[in-house]
């Protein structure tokens, strides 16, 4: 499950985005921005969802 899907499931479980944001200590405006794709989920959102950002790189030659 990706981060946005997990966020939507968490919001549904709490009944509203405002309720989820208040419970985890994140502003509801920030949660709204993440949901609309205006901002990427940062450490506070990811931590509340039990996720961790992972970045990887690969050699361009590996794509061939």
C-alpha atoms as a PDB file:
ATOM      1  CA  UNK A   1       0.000   0.000   0.000  1.00  0.00           C
ATOM      2  CA  UNK A   2       1.411   3.386  -0.906  1.00  0.00           C
ATOM      3  CA  UNK A   3       1.589   6.327   1.480  1.00  0.00           C
ATOM      4  CA  UNK A   4      -1.458   8.146   0.120  1.00  0.00           C
ATOM      5  CA  UNK A   5      -3.629   5.037   0.275  1.00  0.00           C
ATOM      6  CA  UNK A   6      -2.467   4.406   3.839  1.00  0.00           C
ATOM      7  CA  UNK A   7      -3.233   8.029   4.728  1.00  0.00           C
ATOM      8  CA  UNK A   8      -6.747   7.749   3.298  1.00  0.00           C
ATOM      9  CA  UNK A   9      -7.335   4.524   5.245  1.00  0.00           C
ATOM     10  CA  UNK A  10      -6.126   6.159   8.471  1.00  0.00           C
ATOM     11  CA  UNK A  11      -8.377   9.163   7.881  1.00  0.00           C
ATOM     12  CA  UNK A  12     -11.355   6.891   7.223  1.00  0.00           C
ATOM     13  CA  UNK A  13     -10.647   4.968  10.428  1.00  0.00           C
ATOM     14  CA  UNK A  14     -10.669   8.198  12.451  1.00  0.00           C
ATOM     15  CA  UNK A  15     -13.747   9.553  10.696  1.00  0.00           C
ATOM     16  CA  UNK A  16     -12.217  12.698   9.215  1.00  0.00           C
ATOM     17  CA  UNK A  17      -8.932  14.259   8.171  1.00  0.00           C
ATOM     18  CA  UNK A  18      -9.251  16.813  10.962  1.00  0.00           C
ATOM     19  CA  UNK A  19      -9.705  14.076  13.568  1.00  0.00           C
ATOM     20  CA  UNK A  20      -6.726  12.106  12.297  1.00  0.00           C
ATOM     21  CA  UNK A  21      -4.542  15.212  12.129  1.00  0.00           C
ATOM     22  CA  UNK A  22      -5.474  16.212  15.681  1.00  0.00           C
ATOM     23  CA  UNK A  23      -4.854  12.704  17.003  1.00  0.00           C
ATOM     24  CA  UNK A  24      -1.345  12.495  15.532  1.00  0.00           C
ATOM     25  CA  UNK A  25      -0.416  16.150  16.140  1.00  0.00           C
ATOM     26  CA  UNK A  26      -0.226  17.360  12.546  1.00  0.00           C
ATOM     27  CA  UNK A  27      -2.061  20.388  11.167  1.00  0.00           C
ATOM     28  CA  UNK A  28      -5.135  19.589   9.146  1.00  0.00           C
ATOM     29  CA  UNK A  29      -3.957  22.070   6.477  1.00  0.00           C
ATOM     30  CA  UNK A  30      -0.772  20.031   6.018  1.00  0.00           C
ATOM     31  CA  UNK A  31      -2.781  16.808   5.748  1.00  0.00           C
ATOM     32  CA  UNK A  32      -5.017  18.478   3.169  1.00  0.00           C
ATOM     33  CA  UNK A  33      -1.980  19.553   1.138  1.00  0.00           C
ATOM     34  CA  UNK A  34      -0.624  16.002   1.165  1.00  0.00           C
ATOM     35  CA  UNK A  35      -3.980  14.576   0.096  1.00  0.00           C
ATOM     36  CA  UNK A  36      -4.236  17.065  -2.799  1.00  0.00           C
ATOM     37  CA  UNK A  37      -0.653  16.411  -3.952  1.00  0.00           C
ATOM     38  CA  UNK A  38       0.488  19.941  -3.142  1.00  0.00           C
ATOM     39  CA  UNK A  39       3.092  18.620  -0.668  1.00  0.00           C
ATOM     40  CA  UNK A  40       4.836  15.303  -0.260  1.00  0.00           C
ATOM     41  CA  UNK A  41       4.271  13.458   3.005  1.00  0.00           C
ATOM     42  CA  UNK A  42       7.082  14.489   5.303  1.00  0.00           C
ATOM     43  CA  UNK A  43       8.567  12.744   8.332  1.00  0.00           C
ATOM     44  CA  UNK A  44       5.664  13.570  10.655  1.00  0.00           C
ATOM     45  CA  UNK A  45       3.037  12.114   8.319  1.00  0.00           C
ATOM     46  CA  UNK A  46       5.167   9.099   7.430  1.00  0.00           C
ATOM     47  CA  UNK A  47       5.908   8.349  11.074  1.00  0.00           C
ATOM     48  CA  UNK A  48       2.222   8.597  11.983  1.00  0.00           C
ATOM     49  CA  UNK A  49       1.490   6.085   9.223  1.00  0.00           C
ATOM     50  CA  UNK A  50       4.281   3.733  10.279  1.00  0.00           C
ATOM     51  CA  UNK A  51       6.241   4.392   7.101  1.00  0.00           C
ATOM     52  CA  UNK A  52       9.779   5.424   6.289  1.00  0.00           C
ATOM     53  CA  UNK A  53      10.987   7.221   3.156  1.00  0.00           C
ATOM     54  CA  UNK A  54      13.458   5.127   1.168  1.00  0.00           C
ATOM     55  CA  UNK A  55      15.432   6.598  -1.712  1.00  0.00           C
ATOM     56  CA  UNK A  56      17.435   4.446  -4.058  1.00  0.00           C
ATOM     57  CA  UNK A  57      19.585   4.985  -7.104  1.00  0.00           C
ATOM     58  CA  UNK A  58      20.564   2.643  -9.878  1.00  0.00           C
ATOM     59  CA  UNK A  59      23.069   2.704 -12.667  1.00  0.00           C
ATOM     60  CA  UNK A  60      21.561   3.914 -15.945  1.00  0.00           C
ATOM     61  CA  UNK A  61      23.173   0.962 -17.710  1.00  0.00           C
ATOM     62  CA  UNK A  62      21.008  -1.341 -15.602  1.00  0.00           C
ATOM     63  CA  UNK A  63      17.926   0.000 -17.398  1.00  0.00           C
ATOM     64  CA  UNK A  64      18.980  -1.420 -20.752  1.00  0.00           C
END
